Each structure stands twice: as structure tokens, then as C-alpha cells.
Amino acid sequence: MKELLFILAIMAVLFGITAIRYRRQIVAAIEFYKLIRHAKESMSPLEKDRLSKDNGQGIQLIKCSRCGKWIPQTAASGDVRNPFCADACIKL
């Protein structure tokens, strides 16, 4: 039992020394966590719904047949076999 208490005391001392040495980084990590939590809480309900309804499907991307750029399928123009990005490739 004495050995266990000795080991716990040594671990507590090492933890204290580490906490003192890295106190700035610990404080920065806590502040960053608070900032992220505040930003998440201040989101509008519409943004929260959008984040929760992701379903993991993501956005379908297709490759532009003219410039080779990957674009969302909803932003593509042209037919299914030869899609092109409406913004850049129309000017070409």
C-alpha cells in the first residue's frame, strides 16, 4: 500500500510540474475550446439544421470536360456526357 501511495505522489508531482511548464498552452487550449463552444451555441437554428441533416452523402462532383476542374453537379451546364462549368468555360 505504501508503494501505491508513493507512486501516486510521484505521478502527482510530475503532473504538477508538467502543468506549470505548459500552462500557457493549456490556457490557450481552454480558450480555444470556449471559443468553439460559443460559436457553436451562437449558430442560428437554420445552420444547425443544415449541419445535422448532412447524412454523409456530401455533394456530387463532376469533372468539367473543357478545363478539367471539379465542380458541383448543380453548377454544371451542358449535357450529361460533356458537362462544363458555367462560369469559366463559357468565357473560353
Protein backbone atom coordinates (compact mmCIF):
# COMPACT_ATOMS: atom_id res chain seq x y z
CA MET A 1 0.00 0.00 0.00
CA LYS A 2 2.88 2.35 0.75
CA GLU A 3 4.29 1.72 -2.72
CA LEU A 4 1.00 2.69 -4.33
CA LEU A 5 0.81 5.95 -2.39
CA PHE A 6 4.43 6.71 -3.27
CA ILE A 7 3.78 6.09 -6.98
CA LEU A 8 0.64 8.26 -6.88
CA ALA A 9 2.54 11.05 -5.13
CA ILE A 10 5.33 10.93 -7.75
CA MET A 11 2.73 11.00 -10.54
CA ALA A 12 1.00 13.99 -8.92
CA VAL A 13 4.32 15.86 -8.67
CA LEU A 14 5.15 15.10 -12.32
CA PHE A 15 1.68 16.20 -13.39
CA GLY A 16 2.06 19.45 -11.43
CA ILE A 17 5.47 20.19 -12.95
CA THR A 18 4.12 19.49 -16.43
CA ALA A 19 1.09 21.71 -15.83
CA ILE A 20 3.29 24.55 -14.63
CA ARG A 21 5.66 24.21 -17.56
CA TYR A 22 2.91 24.11 -20.20
CA ARG A 23 0.43 26.46 -18.53
CA ARG A 24 0.32 28.87 -21.50
CA GLN A 25 -0.53 26.08 -23.91
CA ILE A 26 -3.14 24.69 -21.51
CA VAL A 27 -4.76 28.13 -21.13
CA ALA A 28 -4.72 28.61 -24.92
CA ALA A 29 -6.37 25.21 -25.44
CA ILE A 30 -9.08 26.03 -22.89
CA GLU A 31 -9.73 29.43 -24.52
CA PHE A 32 -9.90 27.81 -27.96
CA TYR A 33 -12.42 25.26 -26.64
CA LYS A 34 -14.55 28.04 -25.17
CA LEU A 35 -14.40 29.97 -28.44
CA ILE A 36 -15.54 26.96 -30.47
CA ARG A 37 -18.30 26.17 -27.97
CA HIS A 38 -19.52 29.79 -28.06
CA ALA A 39 -19.51 29.81 -31.87
CA LYS A 40 -21.49 26.57 -31.96
CA GLU A 41 -24.04 27.90 -29.44
CA SER A 42 -24.47 31.18 -31.33
CA MET A 43 -25.28 29.50 -34.65
CA SER A 44 -28.73 30.14 -35.99
CA PRO A 45 -31.23 27.25 -35.90
CA LEU A 46 -31.15 27.12 -39.70
CA GLU A 47 -27.39 26.49 -39.71
CA LYS A 48 -27.74 23.83 -37.00
CA ASP A 49 -30.37 22.01 -39.08
CA ARG A 50 -28.14 22.14 -42.14
CA LEU A 51 -25.25 20.62 -40.20
CA SER A 52 -27.37 17.86 -38.67
CA LYS A 53 -29.03 16.86 -41.98
CA ASP A 54 -25.78 16.05 -43.78
CA ASN A 55 -26.45 12.26 -43.92
CA GLY A 56 -22.88 11.75 -45.06
CA GLN A 57 -23.88 11.96 -48.72
CA GLY A 58 -21.99 15.14 -49.47
CA ILE A 59 -22.07 16.99 -52.78
CA GLN A 60 -21.84 15.17 -56.09
CA LEU A 61 -18.85 16.48 -58.06
CA ILE A 62 -18.27 16.12 -61.77
CA LYS A 63 -15.26 16.99 -63.87
CA CYS A 64 -15.59 19.78 -66.42
CA SER A 65 -14.99 18.38 -69.91
CA ARG A 66 -13.34 21.63 -71.08
CA CYS A 67 -11.00 22.74 -68.30
CA GLY A 68 -10.85 19.63 -66.08
CA LYS A 69 -11.96 21.46 -62.94
CA TRP A 70 -14.12 19.56 -60.42
CA ILE A 71 -17.44 21.36 -59.87
CA PRO A 72 -20.72 20.59 -58.06
CA GLN A 73 -23.21 18.79 -60.27
CA THR A 74 -25.78 21.53 -59.64
CA ALA A 75 -23.42 24.19 -61.03
CA ALA A 76 -22.67 22.33 -64.26
CA SER A 77 -24.03 23.28 -67.67
CA GLY A 78 -24.26 21.24 -70.84
CA ASP A 79 -25.38 17.66 -71.24
CA VAL A 80 -24.62 14.69 -69.00
CA ARG A 81 -21.76 13.34 -71.11
CA ASN A 82 -19.98 16.68 -71.65
CA PRO A 83 -20.60 18.89 -68.61
CA PHE A 84 -18.76 22.16 -68.23
CA CYS A 85 -18.53 24.81 -65.55
CA ALA A 86 -20.83 27.65 -66.37
CA ASP A 87 -18.61 30.45 -65.09
CA ALA A 88 -15.15 29.84 -66.51
CA CYS A 89 -15.74 27.71 -69.58
CA ILE A 90 -18.34 29.95 -71.20
CA LYS A 91 -15.65 32.63 -71.50
CA LEU A 92 -13.27 30.23 -73.28
